[in-house]
Amino acid sequence: MKNLIAFIVLTVSLQAQSEDPFTQCANCHSFKKGAHGLGPSLYKSWGRVAGTKKGFRYSSAMKNSKIKWDEKSLENYIKAPQGFIPGNRMPFAGIEDASLRKKIIEVIKNKGQ
């Protein structure tokens, strides 16, 4: 099941790259307060410590990471989620394209405050 979810997320993300850069993230995340999906809501996530949003069940790896979400941490996480926070539950391989990562980070920065 985990592999199926990862495959679906990856397929959708590849299709979405030509659209709004956040489209691929919106399959699991939203910016609505308390609207958690497969991933937590990103409402007021900018500058927040990872794994601290109430109402979402985070992995121990995420809760114990003590990472603060900013441009540098999001750059590293979006590039390689498992490499940056080993053991987290995000079923996503990451984004190689640096310009796409930057666009996604800008969306999160602007909408996640």
N, C-alpha and C. Protein backbone atom coordinates (compact mmCIF):
# COMPACT_ATOMS: atom_id res chain seq x y z
N MET A 1 0.83 -1.19 0.00
CA MET A 1 0.00 0.00 0.00
C MET A 1 0.87 1.25 0.00
N LYS A 2 1.91 1.25 0.82
CA LYS A 2 2.82 2.40 0.90
C LYS A 2 3.44 2.68 -0.48
N ASN A 3 3.86 1.63 -1.17
CA ASN A 3 4.45 1.80 -2.50
C ASN A 3 3.43 2.31 -3.51
N LEU A 4 2.19 1.87 -3.39
CA LEU A 4 1.13 2.34 -4.28
C LEU A 4 0.90 3.83 -4.08
N ILE A 5 0.84 4.27 -2.84
CA ILE A 5 0.65 5.69 -2.54
C ILE A 5 1.82 6.50 -3.09
N ALA A 6 3.03 6.03 -2.87
CA ALA A 6 4.22 6.72 -3.38
C ALA A 6 4.19 6.81 -4.90
N PHE A 7 3.78 5.74 -5.56
CA PHE A 7 3.68 5.74 -7.02
C PHE A 7 2.65 6.76 -7.50
N ILE A 8 1.50 6.79 -6.84
CA ILE A 8 0.45 7.74 -7.23
C ILE A 8 0.92 9.17 -7.03
N VAL A 9 1.53 9.45 -5.90
CA VAL A 9 2.03 10.80 -5.62
C VAL A 9 3.08 11.19 -6.64
N LEU A 10 3.99 10.30 -6.96
CA LEU A 10 5.03 10.58 -7.94
C LEU A 10 4.43 10.82 -9.33
N THR A 11 3.49 10.00 -9.73
CA THR A 11 2.85 10.16 -11.04
C THR A 11 2.14 11.50 -11.14
N VAL A 12 1.38 11.83 -10.11
CA VAL A 12 0.67 13.10 -10.11
C VAL A 12 1.66 14.26 -10.10
N SER A 13 2.74 14.12 -9.35
CA SER A 13 3.72 15.20 -9.29
C SER A 13 4.39 15.44 -10.64
N LEU A 14 4.66 14.40 -11.37
CA LEU A 14 5.26 14.56 -12.70
C LEU A 14 4.30 15.26 -13.65
N GLN A 15 3.01 14.93 -13.55
CA GLN A 15 2.01 15.58 -14.40
C GLN A 15 1.84 17.03 -14.03
N ALA A 16 2.01 17.37 -12.76
CA ALA A 16 1.73 18.71 -12.28
C ALA A 16 2.88 19.69 -12.48
N GLN A 17 4.05 19.22 -12.85
CA GLN A 17 5.20 20.10 -12.94
C GLN A 17 5.01 21.25 -13.91
N SER A 18 4.17 21.10 -14.92
CA SER A 18 3.96 22.17 -15.88
C SER A 18 2.89 23.13 -15.40
N GLU A 19 2.20 22.81 -14.33
CA GLU A 19 1.13 23.64 -13.79
C GLU A 19 1.65 24.44 -12.59
N ASP A 20 0.72 24.87 -11.76
CA ASP A 20 1.07 25.53 -10.51
C ASP A 20 2.05 24.63 -9.75
N PRO A 21 3.18 25.18 -9.31
CA PRO A 21 4.19 24.32 -8.68
C PRO A 21 3.69 23.61 -7.42
N PHE A 22 2.69 24.16 -6.75
CA PHE A 22 2.20 23.53 -5.52
C PHE A 22 1.18 22.43 -5.79
N THR A 23 0.71 22.31 -7.02
CA THR A 23 -0.32 21.32 -7.35
C THR A 23 0.08 19.93 -6.89
N GLN A 24 1.32 19.56 -7.10
CA GLN A 24 1.76 18.22 -6.69
C GLN A 24 1.75 18.05 -5.18
N CYS A 25 1.93 19.12 -4.45
CA CYS A 25 1.90 19.06 -2.98
C CYS A 25 0.46 19.03 -2.47
N ALA A 26 -0.44 19.70 -3.21
CA ALA A 26 -1.83 19.83 -2.80
C ALA A 26 -2.57 18.50 -2.78
N ASN A 27 -1.99 17.46 -3.34
CA ASN A 27 -2.60 16.14 -3.26
C ASN A 27 -2.62 15.63 -1.82
N CYS A 28 -1.70 16.12 -1.01
CA CYS A 28 -1.61 15.67 0.38
C CYS A 28 -1.69 16.81 1.40
N HIS A 29 -1.41 18.03 0.97
CA HIS A 29 -1.37 19.18 1.88
C HIS A 29 -2.32 20.28 1.44
N SER A 30 -2.78 21.07 2.41
CA SER A 30 -3.56 22.26 2.09
C SER A 30 -3.05 23.40 2.97
N PHE A 31 -3.59 24.58 2.76
CA PHE A 31 -3.25 25.74 3.60
C PHE A 31 -4.42 26.12 4.50
N LYS A 32 -5.43 25.26 4.54
CA LYS A 32 -6.59 25.52 5.40
C LYS A 32 -6.29 25.04 6.81
N LYS A 33 -6.65 25.86 7.77
CA LYS A 33 -6.44 25.53 9.17
C LYS A 33 -7.11 24.21 9.52
N GLY A 34 -6.33 23.29 10.05
CA GLY A 34 -6.85 22.00 10.50
C GLY A 34 -7.23 21.02 9.40
N ALA A 35 -7.04 21.39 8.14
CA ALA A 35 -7.44 20.52 7.03
C ALA A 35 -6.28 19.59 6.66
N HIS A 36 -6.08 18.58 7.50
CA HIS A 36 -5.03 17.62 7.25
C HIS A 36 -5.49 16.59 6.23
N GLY A 37 -4.59 16.15 5.39
CA GLY A 37 -4.86 15.07 4.45
C GLY A 37 -3.88 13.95 4.75
N LEU A 38 -3.29 13.38 3.70
CA LEU A 38 -2.22 12.40 3.94
C LEU A 38 -1.06 13.09 4.65
N GLY A 39 -0.89 14.39 4.38
CA GLY A 39 0.11 15.20 5.05
C GLY A 39 -0.58 16.27 5.87
N PRO A 40 0.16 16.93 6.75
CA PRO A 40 -0.46 17.95 7.59
C PRO A 40 -0.82 19.21 6.81
N SER A 41 -1.77 19.96 7.33
CA SER A 41 -2.08 21.28 6.78
C SER A 41 -0.81 22.13 6.90
N LEU A 42 -0.60 22.98 5.92
CA LEU A 42 0.57 23.87 5.96
C LEU A 42 0.18 25.26 6.45
N TYR A 43 -1.02 25.37 7.02
CA TYR A 43 -1.49 26.62 7.61
C TYR A 43 -0.51 27.05 8.71
N LYS A 44 0.01 28.24 8.60
CA LYS A 44 0.98 28.80 9.56
C LYS A 44 2.16 27.85 9.80
N SER A 45 2.65 27.23 8.74
CA SER A 45 3.77 26.30 8.87
C SER A 45 5.13 27.01 8.75
N TRP A 46 5.16 28.17 8.08
CA TRP A 46 6.43 28.87 7.87
C TRP A 46 6.99 29.30 9.22
N GLY A 47 8.22 28.90 9.49
CA GLY A 47 8.87 29.25 10.75
C GLY A 47 8.52 28.34 11.91
N ARG A 48 7.63 27.40 11.69
CA ARG A 48 7.20 26.46 12.74
C ARG A 48 8.21 25.32 12.84
N VAL A 49 8.30 24.74 14.01
CA VAL A 49 9.16 23.57 14.22
C VAL A 49 8.41 22.35 13.66
N ALA A 50 9.10 21.55 12.90
CA ALA A 50 8.52 20.37 12.27
C ALA A 50 7.90 19.43 13.29
N GLY A 51 6.77 18.84 12.92
CA GLY A 51 6.14 17.82 13.76
C GLY A 51 5.38 18.36 14.95
N THR A 52 5.03 19.65 14.94
CA THR A 52 4.37 20.24 16.10
C THR A 52 2.93 20.69 15.85
N LYS A 53 2.44 20.55 14.64
CA LYS A 53 1.07 20.98 14.34
C LYS A 53 0.08 20.03 15.00
N LYS A 54 -0.85 20.58 15.76
CA LYS A 54 -1.84 19.76 16.47
C LYS A 54 -2.82 19.14 15.48
N GLY A 55 -3.24 17.93 15.80
CA GLY A 55 -4.25 17.26 15.01
C GLY A 55 -3.71 16.37 13.90
N PHE A 56 -2.38 16.26 13.80
CA PHE A 56 -1.80 15.38 12.78
C PHE A 56 -0.86 14.41 13.47
N ARG A 57 -0.88 13.16 13.03
CA ARG A 57 -0.04 12.11 13.61
C ARG A 57 1.29 12.06 12.86
N TYR A 58 2.30 12.68 13.42
CA TYR A 58 3.63 12.72 12.81
C TYR A 58 4.44 11.49 13.19
N SER A 59 5.41 11.17 12.36
CA SER A 59 6.35 10.11 12.69
C SER A 59 7.25 10.60 13.82
N SER A 60 7.83 9.68 14.54
CA SER A 60 8.79 10.04 15.60
C SER A 60 9.96 10.81 15.00
N ALA A 61 10.37 10.41 13.80
CA ALA A 61 11.50 11.09 13.14
C ALA A 61 11.18 12.57 12.94
N MET A 62 9.97 12.88 12.49
CA MET A 62 9.60 14.27 12.26
C MET A 62 9.48 15.02 13.58
N LYS A 63 8.82 14.41 14.56
CA LYS A 63 8.65 15.07 15.86
C LYS A 63 9.99 15.34 16.54
N ASN A 64 10.93 14.44 16.37
CA ASN A 64 12.23 14.58 17.04
C ASN A 64 13.26 15.37 16.23
N SER A 65 12.91 15.79 15.03
CA SER A 65 13.89 16.46 14.16
C SER A 65 14.29 17.85 14.64
N LYS A 66 13.39 18.54 15.32
CA LYS A 66 13.63 19.90 15.81
C LYS A 66 13.98 20.89 14.69
N ILE A 67 13.58 20.56 13.47
CA ILE A 67 13.85 21.41 12.31
C ILE A 67 12.81 22.52 12.26
N LYS A 68 13.27 23.73 11.99
CA LYS A 68 12.38 24.87 11.80
C LYS A 68 12.20 25.07 10.30
N TRP A 69 10.94 25.16 9.84
CA TRP A 69 10.68 25.28 8.41
C TRP A 69 10.99 26.68 7.90
N ASP A 70 12.05 26.76 7.11
CA ASP A 70 12.47 28.00 6.45
C ASP A 70 12.97 27.62 5.06
N GLU A 71 13.53 28.57 4.35
CA GLU A 71 13.96 28.29 2.97
C GLU A 71 14.99 27.16 2.91
N LYS A 72 15.97 27.19 3.79
CA LYS A 72 17.04 26.18 3.74
C LYS A 72 16.51 24.79 4.09
N SER A 73 15.73 24.69 5.16
CA SER A 73 15.23 23.37 5.56
C SER A 73 14.24 22.81 4.53
N LEU A 74 13.37 23.67 3.99
CA LEU A 74 12.44 23.19 2.97
C LEU A 74 13.17 22.79 1.69
N GLU A 75 14.20 23.52 1.32
CA GLU A 75 15.02 23.16 0.15
C GLU A 75 15.55 21.74 0.31
N ASN A 76 16.13 21.46 1.45
CA ASN A 76 16.70 20.13 1.72
C ASN A 76 15.62 19.05 1.81
N TYR A 77 14.50 19.38 2.43
CA TYR A 77 13.43 18.40 2.61
C TYR A 77 12.75 18.06 1.29
N ILE A 78 12.42 19.09 0.52
CA ILE A 78 11.73 18.85 -0.75
C ILE A 78 12.64 18.13 -1.74
N LYS A 79 13.92 18.38 -1.65
CA LYS A 79 14.88 17.71 -2.54
C LYS A 79 14.94 16.21 -2.25
N ALA A 80 15.00 15.85 -0.98
CA ALA A 80 15.14 14.44 -0.59
C ALA A 80 14.57 14.24 0.81
N PRO A 81 13.25 14.07 0.92
CA PRO A 81 12.62 13.96 2.24
C PRO A 81 13.24 12.89 3.15
N GLN A 82 13.48 11.70 2.62
CA GLN A 82 14.05 10.63 3.43
C GLN A 82 15.52 10.86 3.75
N GLY A 83 16.22 11.53 2.88
CA GLY A 83 17.62 11.84 3.14
C GLY A 83 17.79 12.92 4.20
N PHE A 84 16.86 13.88 4.21
CA PHE A 84 16.95 14.99 5.15
C PHE A 84 16.41 14.62 6.53
N ILE A 85 15.30 13.90 6.56
CA ILE A 85 14.73 13.43 7.83
C ILE A 85 14.46 11.93 7.67
N PRO A 86 15.49 11.11 7.87
CA PRO A 86 15.31 9.66 7.72
C PRO A 86 14.22 9.14 8.65
N GLY A 87 13.34 8.30 8.09
CA GLY A 87 12.29 7.70 8.89
C GLY A 87 10.98 8.49 8.89
N ASN A 88 10.94 9.64 8.20
CA ASN A 88 9.66 10.35 8.14
C ASN A 88 8.72 9.58 7.23
N ARG A 89 7.43 9.88 7.31
CA ARG A 89 6.43 9.08 6.59
C ARG A 89 6.00 9.67 5.25
N MET A 90 6.61 10.74 4.79
CA MET A 90 6.15 11.34 3.53
C MET A 90 6.52 10.42 2.37
N PRO A 91 5.50 9.87 1.68
CA PRO A 91 5.77 8.92 0.59
C PRO A 91 6.08 9.67 -0.71
N PHE A 92 7.20 10.35 -0.73
CA PHE A 92 7.56 11.19 -1.87
C PHE A 92 9.06 11.10 -2.06
N ALA A 93 9.50 10.88 -3.28
CA ALA A 93 10.92 10.69 -3.56
C ALA A 93 11.72 11.98 -3.53
N GLY A 94 11.06 13.12 -3.74
CA GLY A 94 11.76 14.40 -3.77
C GLY A 94 11.74 15.01 -5.16
N ILE A 95 12.23 16.23 -5.25
CA ILE A 95 12.24 16.97 -6.50
C ILE A 95 13.67 17.36 -6.84
N GLU A 96 14.15 16.87 -7.96
CA GLU A 96 15.51 17.17 -8.42
C GLU A 96 15.67 18.61 -8.91
N ASP A 97 14.65 19.13 -9.57
CA ASP A 97 14.71 20.44 -10.23
C ASP A 97 14.75 21.58 -9.20
N ALA A 98 15.89 22.26 -9.09
CA ALA A 98 16.07 23.32 -8.10
C ALA A 98 15.13 24.50 -8.33
N SER A 99 14.84 24.82 -9.59
CA SER A 99 13.94 25.96 -9.85
C SER A 99 12.51 25.62 -9.43
N LEU A 100 12.10 24.38 -9.60
CA LEU A 100 10.77 23.96 -9.16
C LEU A 100 10.70 23.97 -7.63
N ARG A 101 11.74 23.50 -6.98
CA ARG A 101 11.77 23.53 -5.51
C ARG A 101 11.63 24.96 -5.01
N LYS A 102 12.34 25.87 -5.64
CA LYS A 102 12.30 27.28 -5.23
C LYS A 102 10.88 27.84 -5.37
N LYS A 103 10.20 27.49 -6.46
CA LYS A 103 8.82 27.96 -6.67
C LYS A 103 7.89 27.41 -5.60
N ILE A 104 8.06 26.15 -5.27
CA ILE A 104 7.22 25.53 -4.23
C ILE A 104 7.48 26.19 -2.88
N ILE A 105 8.72 26.45 -2.58
CA ILE A 105 9.08 27.10 -1.32
C ILE A 105 8.45 28.49 -1.25
N GLU A 106 8.44 29.23 -2.35
CA GLU A 106 7.82 30.55 -2.37
C GLU A 106 6.33 30.46 -2.08
N VAL A 107 5.66 29.46 -2.64
CA VAL A 107 4.23 29.28 -2.36
C VAL A 107 4.03 29.00 -0.88
N ILE A 108 4.82 28.11 -0.32
CA ILE A 108 4.69 27.77 1.10
C ILE A 108 4.99 28.99 1.95
N LYS A 109 6.01 29.73 1.60
CA LYS A 109 6.39 30.94 2.35
C LYS A 109 5.25 31.96 2.33
N ASN A 110 4.66 32.16 1.17
CA ASN A 110 3.59 33.17 1.03
C ASN A 110 2.26 32.74 1.63
N LYS A 111 1.92 31.47 1.47
CA LYS A 111 0.61 31.00 1.94
C LYS A 111 0.66 30.38 3.34
N GLY A 112 1.84 30.00 3.79
CA GLY A 112 1.97 29.30 5.06
C GLY A 112 2.36 30.18 6.23
N GLN A 113 2.10 31.47 6.11
CA GLN A 113 2.43 32.39 7.22
C GLN A 113 1.24 32.70 8.07
